[in-house]
Amino acid sequence: MNRISSGKQGELIAQKYLQQAGFSIIATNWRCEFAEVDIIALNKDEIVFFEVRSKSTKDFGTPAESITRRKRQKLICAAEQYLSENPEAPADWRIDFIGVEFLGSSHQLEHIPYAVTRDD
């Protein structure tokens, strides 16, 4: 599986997981000048921005370890821009991480709520 196909497959797995967990997906692959947000979803009265990372090899650490400080800052800027462009969105928001590791014919998913904070 190449990098692009594992990334798309990981995002589809994440979307299915979120829907089963009760999230309502608002947007996927939302872009702005700062970054792309993989998934934007609503959970009760909170908007959640998701960074999804997929890996098909154990080389170079886990998916969660691949998020740099610069990427975290870009995600915060993107979330703030989305909220300014969508004033009807809930005031409460957070940035979560979903990592999908492909293990042969199966996969393992890790969801980290509040993975990125405004202090990052």
PDB file of N, CA and C in Angstrom:
ATOM      1  N   MET A   1       0.862  -1.178   0.000  1.00  0.00           N
ATOM      2  CA  MET A   1       0.000   0.000   0.000  1.00  0.00           C
ATOM      3  C   MET A   1       0.901   1.231   0.000  1.00  0.00           C
ATOM      4  N   ASN A   2       0.672   2.147  -0.949  1.00  0.00           N
ATOM      5  CA  ASN A   2       1.508   3.346  -0.986  1.00  0.00           C
ATOM      6  C   ASN A   2       0.994   4.399  -0.012  1.00  0.00           C
ATOM      7  N   ARG A   3       1.770   5.459   0.147  1.00  0.00           N
ATOM      8  CA  ARG A   3       1.474   6.501   1.140  1.00  0.00           C
ATOM      9  C   ARG A   3       0.116   7.154   0.908  1.00  0.00           C
ATOM     10  N   ILE A   4      -0.210   7.462  -0.362  1.00  0.00           N
ATOM     11  CA  ILE A   4      -1.476   8.137  -0.659  1.00  0.00           C
ATOM     12  C   ILE A   4      -2.656   7.218  -0.396  1.00  0.00           C
ATOM     13  N   SER A   5      -2.575   5.980  -0.850  1.00  0.00           N
ATOM     14  CA  SER A   5      -3.707   5.080  -0.639  1.00  0.00           C
ATOM     15  C   SER A   5      -3.874   4.733   0.837  1.00  0.00           C
ATOM     16  N   SER A   6      -2.772   4.606   1.585  1.00  0.00           N
ATOM     17  CA  SER A   6      -2.913   4.334   3.018  1.00  0.00           C
ATOM     18  C   SER A   6      -3.498   5.549   3.733  1.00  0.00           C
ATOM     19  N   GLY A   7      -3.157   6.754   3.282  1.00  0.00           N
ATOM     20  CA  GLY A   7      -3.727   7.965   3.875  1.00  0.00           C
ATOM     21  C   GLY A   7      -5.224   8.062   3.645  1.00  0.00           C
ATOM     22  N   LYS A   8      -5.660   7.834   2.412  1.00  0.00           N
ATOM     23  CA  LYS A   8      -7.100   7.878   2.095  1.00  0.00           C
ATOM     24  C   LYS A   8      -7.843   6.779   2.844  1.00  0.00           C
ATOM     25  N   GLN A   9      -7.269   5.579   2.856  1.00  0.00           N
ATOM     26  CA  GLN A   9      -7.900   4.463   3.563  1.00  0.00           C
ATOM     27  C   GLN A   9      -7.992   4.765   5.054  1.00  0.00           C
ATOM     28  N   GLY A  10      -6.945   5.349   5.624  1.00  0.00           N
ATOM     29  CA  GLY A  10      -6.962   5.717   7.036  1.00  0.00           C
ATOM     30  C   GLY A  10      -8.042   6.738   7.349  1.00  0.00           C
ATOM     31  N   GLU A  11      -8.230   7.713   6.466  1.00  0.00           N
ATOM     32  CA  GLU A  11      -9.277   8.719   6.678  1.00  0.00           C
ATOM     33  C   GLU A  11     -10.665   8.090   6.610  1.00  0.00           C
ATOM     34  N   LEU A  12     -10.872   7.152   5.703  1.00  0.00           N
ATOM     35  CA  LEU A  12     -12.170   6.465   5.612  1.00  0.00           C
ATOM     36  C   LEU A  12     -12.441   5.630   6.862  1.00  0.00           C
ATOM     37  N   ILE A  13     -11.418   4.955   7.363  1.00  0.00           N
ATOM     38  CA  ILE A  13     -11.559   4.179   8.600  1.00  0.00           C
ATOM     39  C   ILE A  13     -11.882   5.113   9.764  1.00  0.00           C
ATOM     40  N   ALA A  14     -11.206   6.259   9.824  1.00  0.00           N
ATOM     41  CA  ALA A  14     -11.455   7.238  10.890  1.00  0.00           C
ATOM     42  C   ALA A  14     -12.882   7.775  10.819  1.00  0.00           C
ATOM     43  N   GLN A  15     -13.363   8.089   9.612  1.00  0.00           N
ATOM     44  CA  GLN A  15     -14.733   8.585   9.454  1.00  0.00           C
ATOM     45  C   GLN A  15     -15.747   7.560   9.954  1.00  0.00           C
ATOM     46  N   LYS A  16     -15.559   6.311   9.577  1.00  0.00           N
ATOM     47  CA  LYS A  16     -16.480   5.254  10.013  1.00  0.00           C
ATOM     48  C   LYS A  16     -16.457   5.119  11.535  1.00  0.00           C
ATOM     49  N   TYR A  17     -15.270   5.144  12.111  1.00  0.00           N
ATOM     50  CA  TYR A  17     -15.126   5.069  13.567  1.00  0.00           C
ATOM     51  C   TYR A  17     -15.876   6.218  14.245  1.00  0.00           C
ATOM     52  N   LEU A  18     -15.689   7.439  13.732  1.00  0.00           N
ATOM     53  CA  LEU A  18     -16.326   8.611  14.342  1.00  0.00           C
ATOM     54  C   LEU A  18     -17.841   8.536  14.241  1.00  0.00           C
ATOM     55  N   GLN A  19     -18.353   8.127  13.101  1.00  0.00           N
ATOM     56  CA  GLN A  19     -19.803   8.004  12.944  1.00  0.00           C
ATOM     57  C   GLN A  19     -20.363   6.973  13.919  1.00  0.00           C
ATOM     58  N   GLN A  20     -19.671   5.861  14.082  1.00  0.00           N
ATOM     59  CA  GLN A  20     -20.120   4.835  15.028  1.00  0.00           C
ATOM     60  C   GLN A  20     -20.033   5.328  16.470  1.00  0.00           C
ATOM     61  N   ALA A  21     -19.122   6.264  16.729  1.00  0.00           N
ATOM     62  CA  ALA A  21     -18.961   6.819  18.079  1.00  0.00           C
ATOM     63  C   ALA A  21     -19.923   7.980  18.347  1.00  0.00           C
ATOM     64  N   GLY A  22     -20.769   8.328  17.367  1.00  0.00           N
ATOM     65  CA  GLY A  22     -21.774   9.362  17.574  1.00  0.00           C
ATOM     66  C   GLY A  22     -21.406  10.747  17.084  1.00  0.00           C
ATOM     67  N   PHE A  23     -20.288  10.899  16.404  1.00  0.00           N
ATOM     68  CA  PHE A  23     -19.901  12.188  15.835  1.00  0.00           C
ATOM     69  C   PHE A  23     -20.677  12.417  14.535  1.00  0.00           C
ATOM     70  N   SER A  24     -21.008  13.669  14.256  1.00  0.00           N
ATOM     71  CA  SER A  24     -21.600  14.054  12.969  1.00  0.00           C
ATOM     72  C   SER A  24     -20.516  14.744  12.159  1.00  0.00           C
ATOM     73  N   ILE A  25     -20.178  14.174  11.028  1.00  0.00           N
ATOM     74  CA  ILE A  25     -19.110  14.740  10.209  1.00  0.00           C
ATOM     75  C   ILE A  25     -19.642  15.927   9.424  1.00  0.00           C
ATOM     76  N   ILE A  26     -18.960  17.061   9.564  1.00  0.00           N
ATOM     77  CA  ILE A  26     -19.343  18.309   8.906  1.00  0.00           C
ATOM     78  C   ILE A  26     -18.583  18.482   7.601  1.00  0.00           C
ATOM     79  N   ALA A  27     -17.287  18.170   7.625  1.00  0.00           N
ATOM     80  CA  ALA A  27     -16.448  18.375   6.436  1.00  0.00           C
ATOM     81  C   ALA A  27     -15.265  17.415   6.475  1.00  0.00           C
ATOM     82  N   THR A  28     -14.758  17.117   5.284  1.00  0.00           N
ATOM     83  CA  THR A  28     -13.524  16.342   5.171  1.00  0.00           C
ATOM     84  C   THR A  28     -12.575  17.084   4.246  1.00  0.00           C
ATOM     85  N   ASN A  29     -11.305  16.973   4.549  1.00  0.00           N
ATOM     86  CA  ASN A  29     -10.252  17.613   3.757  1.00  0.00           C
ATOM     87  C   ASN A  29     -10.513  19.104   3.538  1.00  0.00           C
ATOM     88  N   TRP A  30     -10.894  19.798   4.618  1.00  0.00           N
ATOM     89  CA  TRP A  30     -11.152  21.241   4.562  1.00  0.00           C
ATOM     90  C   TRP A  30      -9.814  21.968   4.504  1.00  0.00           C
ATOM     91  N   ARG A  31      -9.685  22.851   3.548  1.00  0.00           N
ATOM     92  CA  ARG A  31      -8.413  23.562   3.337  1.00  0.00           C
ATOM     93  C   ARG A  31      -8.562  25.056   3.584  1.00  0.00           C
ATOM     94  N   CYS A  32      -7.469  25.627   4.074  1.00  0.00           N
ATOM     95  CA  CYS A  32      -7.354  27.075   4.186  1.00  0.00           C
ATOM     96  C   CYS A  32      -5.902  27.421   3.885  1.00  0.00           C
ATOM     97  N   GLU A  33      -5.543  28.669   4.069  1.00  0.00           N
ATOM     98  CA  GLU A  33      -4.173  29.077   3.747  1.00  0.00           C
ATOM     99  C   GLU A  33      -3.134  28.457   4.680  1.00  0.00           C
ATOM    100  N   PHE A  34      -3.553  27.999   5.847  1.00  0.00           N
ATOM    101  CA  PHE A  34      -2.614  27.482   6.842  1.00  0.00           C
ATOM    102  C   PHE A  34      -2.375  25.983   6.731  1.00  0.00           C
ATOM    103  N   ALA A  35      -3.436  25.230   6.500  1.00  0.00           N
ATOM    104  CA  ALA A  35      -3.324  23.770   6.560  1.00  0.00           C
ATOM    105  C   ALA A  35      -4.584  23.129   5.999  1.00  0.00           C
ATOM    106  N   GLU A  36      -4.554  21.818   5.969  1.00  0.00           N
ATOM    107  CA  GLU A  36      -5.746  21.044   5.644  1.00  0.00           C
ATOM    108  C   GLU A  36      -6.163  20.305   6.904  1.00  0.00           C
ATOM    109  N   VAL A  37      -7.453  20.354   7.202  1.00  0.00           N
ATOM    110  CA  VAL A  37      -7.991  19.600   8.329  1.00  0.00           C
ATOM    111  C   VAL A  37      -8.652  18.363   7.736  1.00  0.00           C
ATOM    112  N   ASP A  38      -8.230  17.192   8.183  1.00  0.00           N
ATOM    113  CA  ASP A  38      -8.713  15.954   7.583  1.00  0.00           C
ATOM    114  C   ASP A  38     -10.206  15.741   7.799  1.00  0.00           C
ATOM    115  N   ILE A  39     -10.665  15.935   9.033  1.00  0.00           N
ATOM    116  CA  ILE A  39     -12.084  15.736   9.350  1.00  0.00           C
ATOM    117  C   ILE A  39     -12.504  16.810  10.343  1.00  0.00           C
ATOM    118  N   ILE A  40     -13.673  17.401  10.100  1.00  0.00           N
ATOM    119  CA  ILE A  40     -14.295  18.315  11.059  1.00  0.00           C
ATOM    120  C   ILE A  40     -15.626  17.679  11.426  1.00  0.00           C
ATOM    121  N   ALA A  41     -15.860  17.533  12.726  1.00  0.00           N
ATOM    122  CA  ALA A  41     -17.068  16.839  13.172  1.00  0.00           C
ATOM    123  C   ALA A  41     -17.672  17.542  14.378  1.00  0.00           C
ATOM    124  N   LEU A  42     -18.927  17.236  14.613  1.00  0.00           N
ATOM    125  CA  LEU A  42     -19.654  17.775  15.756  1.00  0.00           C
ATOM    126  C   LEU A  42     -19.874  16.642  16.747  1.00  0.00           C
ATOM    127  N   ASN A  43     -19.569  16.910  18.008  1.00  0.00           N
ATOM    128  CA  ASN A  43     -19.794  15.948  19.083  1.00  0.00           C
ATOM    129  C   ASN A  43     -20.543  16.680  20.186  1.00  0.00           C
ATOM    130  N   LYS A  44     -21.830  16.427  20.262  1.00  0.00           N
ATOM    131  CA  LYS A  44     -22.719  17.151  21.173  1.00  0.00           C
ATOM    132  C   LYS A  44     -22.654  18.631  20.804  1.00  0.00           C
ATOM    133  N   ASP A  45     -22.216  19.492  21.716  1.00  0.00           N
ATOM    134  CA  ASP A  45     -22.133  20.927  21.434  1.00  0.00           C
ATOM    135  C   ASP A  45     -20.695  21.386  21.251  1.00  0.00           C
ATOM    136  N   GLU A  46     -19.857  20.517  20.750  1.00  0.00           N
ATOM    137  CA  GLU A  46     -18.443  20.838  20.568  1.00  0.00           C
ATOM    138  C   GLU A  46     -18.022  20.469  19.148  1.00  0.00           C
ATOM    139  N   ILE A  47     -17.277  21.371  18.518  1.00  0.00           N
ATOM    140  CA  ILE A  47     -16.742  21.073  17.192  1.00  0.00           C
ATOM    141  C   ILE A  47     -15.343  20.486  17.379  1.00  0.00           C
ATOM    142  N   VAL A  48     -15.060  19.423  16.631  1.00  0.00           N
ATOM    143  CA  VAL A  48     -13.789  18.724  16.791  1.00  0.00           C
ATOM    144  C   VAL A  48     -13.082  18.664  15.440  1.00  0.00           C
ATOM    145  N   PHE A  49     -11.836  19.110  15.442  1.00  0.00           N
ATOM    146  CA  PHE A  49     -10.987  19.084  14.258  1.00  0.00           C
ATOM    147  C   PHE A  49     -10.054  17.883  14.411  1.00  0.00           C
ATOM    148  N   PHE A  50      -9.988  17.050  13.378  1.00  0.00           N
ATOM    149  CA  PHE A  50      -9.198  15.822  13.453  1.00  0.00           C
ATOM    150  C   PHE A  50      -8.032  15.836  12.482  1.00  0.00           C
ATOM    151  N   GLU A  51      -6.878  15.486  12.993  1.00  0.00           N
ATOM    152  CA  GLU A  51      -5.718  15.171  12.168  1.00  0.00           C
ATOM    153  C   GLU A  51      -5.632  13.650  12.136  1.00  0.00           C
ATOM    154  N   VAL A  52      -5.628  13.089  10.937  1.00  0.00           N
ATOM    155  CA  VAL A  52      -5.562  11.638  10.778  1.00  0.00           C
ATOM    156  C   VAL A  52      -4.211  11.288  10.160  1.00  0.00           C
ATOM    157  N   ARG A  53      -3.506  10.369  10.783  1.00  0.00           N
ATOM    158  CA  ARG A  53      -2.228   9.898  10.253  1.00  0.00           C
ATOM    159  C   ARG A  53      -2.297   8.385  10.114  1.00  0.00           C
ATOM    160  N   SER A  54      -1.805   7.899   8.999  1.00  0.00           N
ATOM    161  CA  SER A  54      -1.800   6.464   8.729  1.00  0.00           C
ATOM    162  C   SER A  54      -0.381   5.992   8.479  1.00  0.00           C
ATOM    163  N   LYS A  55      -0.126   4.753   8.886  1.00  0.00           N
ATOM    164  CA  LYS A  55       1.185   4.143   8.630  1.00  0.00           C
ATOM    165  C   LYS A  55       0.987   2.680   8.278  1.00  0.00           C
ATOM    166  N   SER A  56       1.784   2.232   7.341  1.00  0.00           N
ATOM    167  CA  SER A  56       1.734   0.816   6.979  1.00  0.00           C
ATOM    168  C   SER A  56       3.040   0.110   7.326  1.00  0.00           C
ATOM    169  N   THR A  57       3.897   0.808   8.066  1.00  0.00           N
ATOM    170  CA  THR A  57       5.168   0.228   8.496  1.00  0.00           C
ATOM    171  C   THR A  57       5.491   0.724   9.901  1.00  0.00           C
ATOM    172  N   LYS A  58       6.247  -0.051  10.635  1.00  0.00           N
ATOM    173  CA  LYS A  58       6.644   0.343  11.993  1.00  0.00           C
ATOM    174  C   LYS A  58       7.854   1.278  11.992  1.00  0.00           C
ATOM    175  N   ASP A  59       8.447   1.500  10.815  1.00  0.00           N
ATOM    176  CA  ASP A  59       9.618   2.375  10.722  1.00  0.00           C
ATOM    177  C   ASP A  59       9.265   3.803  11.136  1.00  0.00           C
ATOM    178  N   PHE A  60      10.173   4.477  11.782  1.00  0.00           N
ATOM    179  CA  PHE A  60      10.062   5.903  12.129  1.00  0.00           C
ATOM    180  C   PHE A  60       8.961   6.204  13.133  1.00  0.00           C
ATOM    181  N   GLY A  61       8.631   5.281  14.003  1.00  0.00           N
ATOM    182  CA  GLY A  61       7.708   5.561  15.089  1.00  0.00           C
ATOM    183  C   GLY A  61       6.245   5.374  14.747  1.00  0.00           C
ATOM    184  N   THR A  62       5.416   5.800  15.690  1.00  0.00           N
ATOM    185  CA  THR A  62       3.968   5.643  15.558  1.00  0.00           C
ATOM    186  C   THR A  62       3.375   6.805  14.769  1.00  0.00           C
ATOM    187  N   PRO A  63       2.122   6.669  14.319  1.00  0.00           N
ATOM    188  CA  PRO A  63       1.483   7.800  13.641  1.00  0.00           C
ATOM    189  C   PRO A  63       1.447   9.060  14.513  1.00  0.00           C
ATOM    190  N   ALA A  64       1.178   8.910  15.799  1.00  0.00           N
ATOM    191  CA  ALA A  64       1.095  10.073  16.692  1.00  0.00           C
ATOM    192  C   ALA A  64       2.424  10.818  16.785  1.00  0.00           C
ATOM    193  N   GLU A  65       3.516  10.088  16.692  1.00  0.00           N
ATOM    194  CA  GLU A  65       4.838  10.711  16.793  1.00  0.00           C
ATOM    195  C   GLU A  65       5.206  11.519  15.554  1.00  0.00           C
ATOM    196  N   SER A  66       4.407  11.406  14.509  1.00  0.00           N
ATOM    197  CA  SER A  66       4.729  12.107  13.260  1.00  0.00           C
ATOM    198  C   SER A  66       4.175  13.530  13.198  1.00  0.00           C
ATOM    199  N   ILE A  67       3.458  13.962  14.223  1.00  0.00           N
ATOM    200  CA  ILE A  67       2.898  15.319  14.215  1.00  0.00           C
ATOM    201  C   ILE A  67       3.905  16.280  14.844  1.00  0.00           C
ATOM    202  N   THR A  68       4.419  17.167  14.032  1.00  0.00           N
ATOM    203  CA  THR A  68       5.431  18.118  14.487  1.00  0.00           C
ATOM    204  C   THR A  68       4.791  19.315  15.190  1.00  0.00           C
ATOM    205  N   ARG A  69       5.615  20.070  15.875  1.00  0.00           N
ATOM    206  CA  ARG A  69       5.138  21.298  16.531  1.00  0.00           C
ATOM    207  C   ARG A  69       4.574  22.267  15.493  1.00  0.00           C
ATOM    208  N   ARG A  70       5.244  22.371  14.361  1.00  0.00           N
ATOM    209  CA  ARG A  70       4.775  23.258  13.283  1.00  0.00           C
ATOM    210  C   ARG A  70       3.396  22.828  12.783  1.00  0.00           C
ATOM    211  N   LYS A  71       3.184  21.521  12.634  1.00  0.00           N
ATOM    212  CA  LYS A  71       1.886  21.017  12.188  1.00  0.00           C
ATOM    213  C   LYS A  71       0.816  21.331  13.227  1.00  0.00           C
ATOM    214  N   ARG A  72       1.138  21.185  14.499  1.00  0.00           N
ATOM    215  CA  ARG A  72       0.170  21.510  15.558  1.00  0.00           C
ATOM    216  C   ARG A  72      -0.225  22.984  15.486  1.00  0.00           C
ATOM    217  N   GLN A  73       0.756  23.864  15.281  1.00  0.00           N
ATOM    218  CA  GLN A  73       0.464  25.298  15.177  1.00  0.00           C
ATOM    219  C   GLN A  73      -0.411  25.588  13.957  1.00  0.00           C
ATOM    220  N   LYS A  74      -0.136  24.923  12.840  1.00  0.00           N
ATOM    221  CA  LYS A  74      -0.952  25.112  11.637  1.00  0.00           C
ATOM    222  C   LYS A  74      -2.386  24.642  11.863  1.00  0.00           C
ATOM    223  N   LEU A  75      -2.554  23.552  12.588  1.00  0.00           N
ATOM    224  CA  LEU A  75      -3.901  23.056  12.875  1.00  0.00           C
ATOM    225  C   LEU A  75      -4.682  24.044  13.736  1.00  0.00           C
ATOM    226  N   ILE A  76      -4.012  24.651  14.703  1.00  0.00           N
ATOM    227  CA  ILE A  76      -4.672  25.657  15.541  1.00  0.00           C
ATOM    228  C   ILE A  76      -5.115  26.840  14.685  1.00  0.00           C
ATOM    229  N   CYS A  77      -4.243  27.330  13.817  1.00  0.00           N
ATOM    230  CA  CYS A  77      -4.594  28.445  12.926  1.00  0.00           C
ATOM    231  C   CYS A  77      -5.748  28.068  12.005  1.00  0.00           C
ATOM    232  N   ALA A  78      -5.727  26.854  11.481  1.00  0.00           N
ATOM    233  CA  ALA A  78      -6.802  26.400  10.595  1.00  0.00           C
ATOM    234  C   ALA A  78      -8.125  26.323  11.347  1.00  0.00           C
ATOM    235  N   ALA A  79      -8.105  25.799  12.564  1.00  0.00           N
ATOM    236  CA  ALA A  79      -9.327  25.714  13.367  1.00  0.00           C
ATOM    237  C   ALA A  79      -9.883  27.108  13.643  1.00  0.00           C
ATOM    238  N   GLU A  80      -9.015  28.035  14.005  1.00  0.00           N
ATOM    239  CA  GLU A  80      -9.462  29.403  14.274  1.00  0.00           C
ATOM    240  C   GLU A  80     -10.034  30.053  13.019  1.00  0.00           C
ATOM    241  N   GLN A  81      -9.429  29.790  11.866  1.00  0.00           N
ATOM    242  CA  GLN A  81      -9.960  30.350  10.625  1.00  0.00           C
ATOM    243  C   GLN A  81     -11.319  29.739  10.294  1.00  0.00           C
ATOM    244  N   TYR A  82     -11.462  28.433  10.458  1.00  0.00           N
ATOM    245  CA  TYR A  82     -12.752  27.783  10.196  1.00  0.00           C
ATOM    246  C   TYR A  82     -13.834  28.409  11.074  1.00  0.00           C
ATOM    247  N   LEU A  83     -13.527  28.603  12.335  1.00  0.00           N
ATOM    248  CA  LEU A  83     -14.505  29.178  13.261  1.00  0.00           C
ATOM    249  C   LEU A  83     -14.853  30.617  12.890  1.00  0.00           C
ATOM    250  N   SER A  84     -13.880  31.391  12.426  1.00  0.00           N
ATOM    251  CA  SER A  84     -14.177  32.776  12.033  1.00  0.00           C
ATOM    252  C   SER A  84     -15.026  32.816  10.762  1.00  0.00           C
ATOM    253  N   GLU A  85     -14.853  31.826   9.884  1.00  0.00           N
ATOM    254  CA  GLU A  85     -15.651  31.760   8.657  1.00  0.00           C
ATOM    255  C   GLU A  85     -17.024  31.135   8.880  1.00  0.00           C
ATOM    256  N   ASN A  86     -17.211  30.490  10.015  1.00  0.00           N
ATOM    257  CA  ASN A  86     -18.463  29.798  10.327  1.00  0.00           C
ATOM    258  C   ASN A  86     -18.949  30.216  11.710  1.00  0.00           C
ATOM    259  N   PRO A  87     -19.456  31.448  11.832  1.00  0.00           N
ATOM    260  CA  PRO A  87     -19.838  31.955  13.153  1.00  0.00           C
ATOM    261  C   PRO A  87     -20.967  31.165  13.817  1.00  0.00           C
ATOM    262  N   GLU A  88     -21.699  30.367  13.031  1.00  0.00           N
ATOM    263  CA  GLU A  88     -22.775  29.555  13.610  1.00  0.00           C
ATOM    264  C   GLU A  88     -22.234  28.300  14.300  1.00  0.00           C
ATOM    265  N   ALA A  89     -20.961  28.007  14.117  1.00  0.00           N
ATOM    266  CA  ALA A  89     -20.345  26.821  14.735  1.00  0.00           C
ATOM    267  C   ALA A  89     -20.291  26.998  16.251  1.00  0.00           C
ATOM    268  N   PRO A  90     -20.343  25.899  16.992  1.00  0.00           N
ATOM    269  CA  PRO A  90     -20.254  26.003  18.455  1.00  0.00           C
ATOM    270  C   PRO A  90     -18.964  26.699  18.891  1.00  0.00           C
ATOM    271  N   ALA A  91     -19.050  27.397  20.007  1.00  0.00           N
ATOM    272  CA  ALA A  91     -17.880  28.116  20.523  1.00  0.00           C
ATOM    273  C   ALA A  91     -16.843  27.156  21.104  1.00  0.00           C
ATOM    274  N   ASP A  92     -17.299  26.022  21.629  1.00  0.00           N
ATOM    275  CA  ASP A  92     -16.378  25.042  22.207  1.00  0.00           C
ATOM    276  C   ASP A  92     -15.771  24.195  21.097  1.00  0.00           C
ATOM    277  N   TRP A  93     -14.448  24.063  21.136  1.00  0.00           N
ATOM    278  CA  TRP A  93     -13.778  23.267  20.109  1.00  0.00           C
ATOM    279  C   TRP A  93     -12.514  22.647  20.652  1.00  0.00           C
ATOM    280  N   ARG A  94     -12.049  21.637  19.922  1.00  0.00           N
ATOM    281  CA  ARG A  94     -10.802  20.972  20.287  1.00  0.00           C
ATOM    282  C   ARG A  94     -10.202  20.338  19.037  1.00  0.00           C
ATOM    283  N   ILE A  95      -8.944  19.926  19.162  1.00  0.00           N
ATOM    284  CA  ILE A  95      -8.262  19.235  18.070  1.00  0.00           C
ATOM    285  C   ILE A  95      -7.850  17.862  18.585  1.00  0.00           C
ATOM    286  N   ASP A  96      -8.335  16.827  17.900  1.00  0.00           N
ATOM    287  CA  ASP A  96      -8.030  15.444  18.256  1.00  0.00           C
ATOM    288  C   ASP A  96      -7.124  14.825  17.200  1.00  0.00           C
ATOM    289  N   PHE A  97      -6.541  13.720  17.563  1.00  0.00           N
ATOM    290  CA  PHE A  97      -5.686  12.968  16.650  1.00  0.00           C
ATOM    291  C   PHE A  97      -6.237  11.562  16.492  1.00  0.00           C
ATOM    292  N   ILE A  98      -6.213  11.068  15.274  1.00  0.00           N
ATOM    293  CA  ILE A  98      -6.522   9.661  15.029  1.00  0.00           C
ATOM    294  C   ILE A  98      -5.363   9.068  14.241  1.00  0.00           C
ATOM    295  N   GLY A  99      -4.802   8.011  14.772  1.00  0.00           N
ATOM    296  CA  GLY A  99      -3.743   7.283  14.088  1.00  0.00           C
ATOM    297  C   GLY A  99      -4.268   5.933  13.649  1.00  0.00           C
ATOM    298  N   VAL A 100      -3.973   5.563  12.422  1.00  0.00           N
ATOM    299  CA  VAL A 100      -4.369   4.256  11.903  1.00  0.00           C
ATOM    300  C   VAL A 100      -3.099   3.540  11.461  1.00  0.00           C
ATOM    301  N   GLU A 101      -2.845   2.398  12.085  1.00  0.00           N
ATOM    302  CA  GLU A 101      -1.695   1.576  11.708  1.00  0.00           C
ATOM    303  C   GLU A 101      -2.213   0.340  11.004  1.00  0.00           C
ATOM    304  N   PHE A 102      -1.729   0.114   9.793  1.00  0.00           N
ATOM    305  CA  PHE A 102      -2.118  -1.064   9.032  1.00  0.00           C
ATOM    306  C   PHE A 102      -1.185  -2.206   9.401  1.00  0.00           C
ATOM    307  N   LEU A 103      -1.790  -3.311   9.797  1.00  0.00           N
ATOM    308  CA  LEU A 103      -1.046  -4.483  10.254  1.00  0.00           C
ATOM    309  C   LEU A 103      -1.448  -5.670   9.377  1.00  0.00           C
ATOM    310  N   GLY A 104      -0.800  -5.811   8.258  1.00  0.00           N
ATOM    311  CA  GLY A 104      -1.184  -6.871   7.323  1.00  0.00           C
ATOM    312  C   GLY A 104      -2.558  -6.587   6.756  1.00  0.00           C
ATOM    313  N   SER A 105      -3.501  -7.500   6.979  1.00  0.00           N
ATOM    314  CA  SER A 105      -4.855  -7.308   6.442  1.00  0.00           C
ATOM    315  C   SER A 105      -5.787  -6.620   7.435  1.00  0.00           C
ATOM    316  N   SER A 106      -5.289  -6.270   8.614  1.00  0.00           N
ATOM    317  CA  SER A 106      -6.117  -5.578   9.605  1.00  0.00           C
ATOM    318  C   SER A 106      -5.518  -4.205   9.908  1.00  0.00           C
ATOM    319  N   HIS A 107      -6.137  -3.515  10.853  1.00  0.00           N
ATOM    320  CA  HIS A 107      -5.617  -2.202  11.248  1.00  0.00           C
ATOM    321  C   HIS A 107      -5.874  -1.977  12.732  1.00  0.00           C
ATOM    322  N   GLN A 108      -5.145  -1.029  13.279  1.00  0.00           N
ATOM    323  CA  GLN A 108      -5.321  -0.617  14.668  1.00  0.00           C
ATOM    324  C   GLN A 108      -5.539   0.886  14.669  1.00  0.00           C
ATOM    325  N   LEU A 109      -6.567   1.351  15.372  1.00  0.00           N
ATOM    326  CA  LEU A 109      -6.900   2.774  15.420  1.00  0.00           C
ATOM    327  C   LEU A 109      -6.651   3.306  16.824  1.00  0.00           C
ATOM    328  N   GLU A 110      -6.050   4.484  16.896  1.00  0.00           N
ATOM    329  CA  GLU A 110      -5.823   5.169  18.169  1.00  0.00           C
ATOM    330  C   GLU A 110      -6.435   6.563  18.070  1.00  0.00           C
ATOM    331  N   HIS A 111      -7.331   6.901  19.009  1.00  0.00           N
ATOM    332  CA  HIS A 111      -7.967   8.222  19.054  1.00  0.00           C
ATOM    333  C   HIS A 111      -7.464   8.932  20.307  1.00  0.00           C
ATOM    334  N   ILE A 112      -6.843  10.093  20.100  1.00  0.00           N
ATOM    335  CA  ILE A 112      -6.336  10.887  21.222  1.00  0.00           C
ATOM    336  C   ILE A 112      -7.102  12.207  21.270  1.00  0.00           C
ATOM    337  N   PRO A 113      -8.091  12.324  22.177  1.00  0.00           N
ATOM    338  CA  PRO A 113      -8.800  13.598  22.335  1.00  0.00           C
ATOM    339  C   PRO A 113      -7.858  14.676  22.880  1.00  0.00           C
ATOM    340  N   TYR A 114      -8.110  15.916  22.496  1.00  0.00           N
ATOM    341  CA  TYR A 114      -7.319  17.063  22.970  1.00  0.00           C
ATOM    342  C   TYR A 114      -5.821  16.864  22.698  1.00  0.00           C
ATOM    343  N   ALA A 115      -5.486  16.270  21.570  1.00  0.00           N
ATOM    344  CA  ALA A 115      -4.085  15.991  21.232  1.00  0.00           C
ATOM    345  C   ALA A 115      -3.291  17.265  20.989  1.00  0.00           C
ATOM    346  N   VAL A 116      -3.968  18.296  20.526  1.00  0.00           N
ATOM    347  CA  VAL A 116      -3.334  19.588  20.266  1.00  0.00           C
ATOM    348  C   VAL A 116      -4.087  20.627  21.082  1.00  0.00           C
ATOM    349  N   THR A 117      -3.335  21.427  21.837  1.00  0.00           N
ATOM    350  CA  THR A 117      -3.968  22.488  22.622  1.00  0.00           C
ATOM    351  C   THR A 117      -3.483  23.842  22.132  1.00  0.00           C
ATOM    352  N   ARG A 118      -4.153  24.877  22.514  1.00  0.00           N
ATOM    353  CA  ARG A 118      -3.785  26.229  22.078  1.00  0.00           C
ATOM    354  C   ARG A 118      -2.414  26.644  22.590  1.00  0.00           C
ATOM    355  N   ASP A 119      -1.893  25.928  23.575  1.00  0.00           N
ATOM    356  CA  ASP A 119      -0.566  26.233  24.121  1.00  0.00           C
ATOM    357  C   ASP A 119       0.565  25.629  23.293  1.00  0.00           C
ATOM    358  N   ASP A 120       0.238  24.779  22.310  1.00  0.00           N
ATOM    359  CA  ASP A 120       1.276  24.094  21.506  1.00  0.00           C
ATOM    360  C   ASP A 120       2.042  25.034  20.622  1.00  0.00           C
TER     361      ASP A 120
END
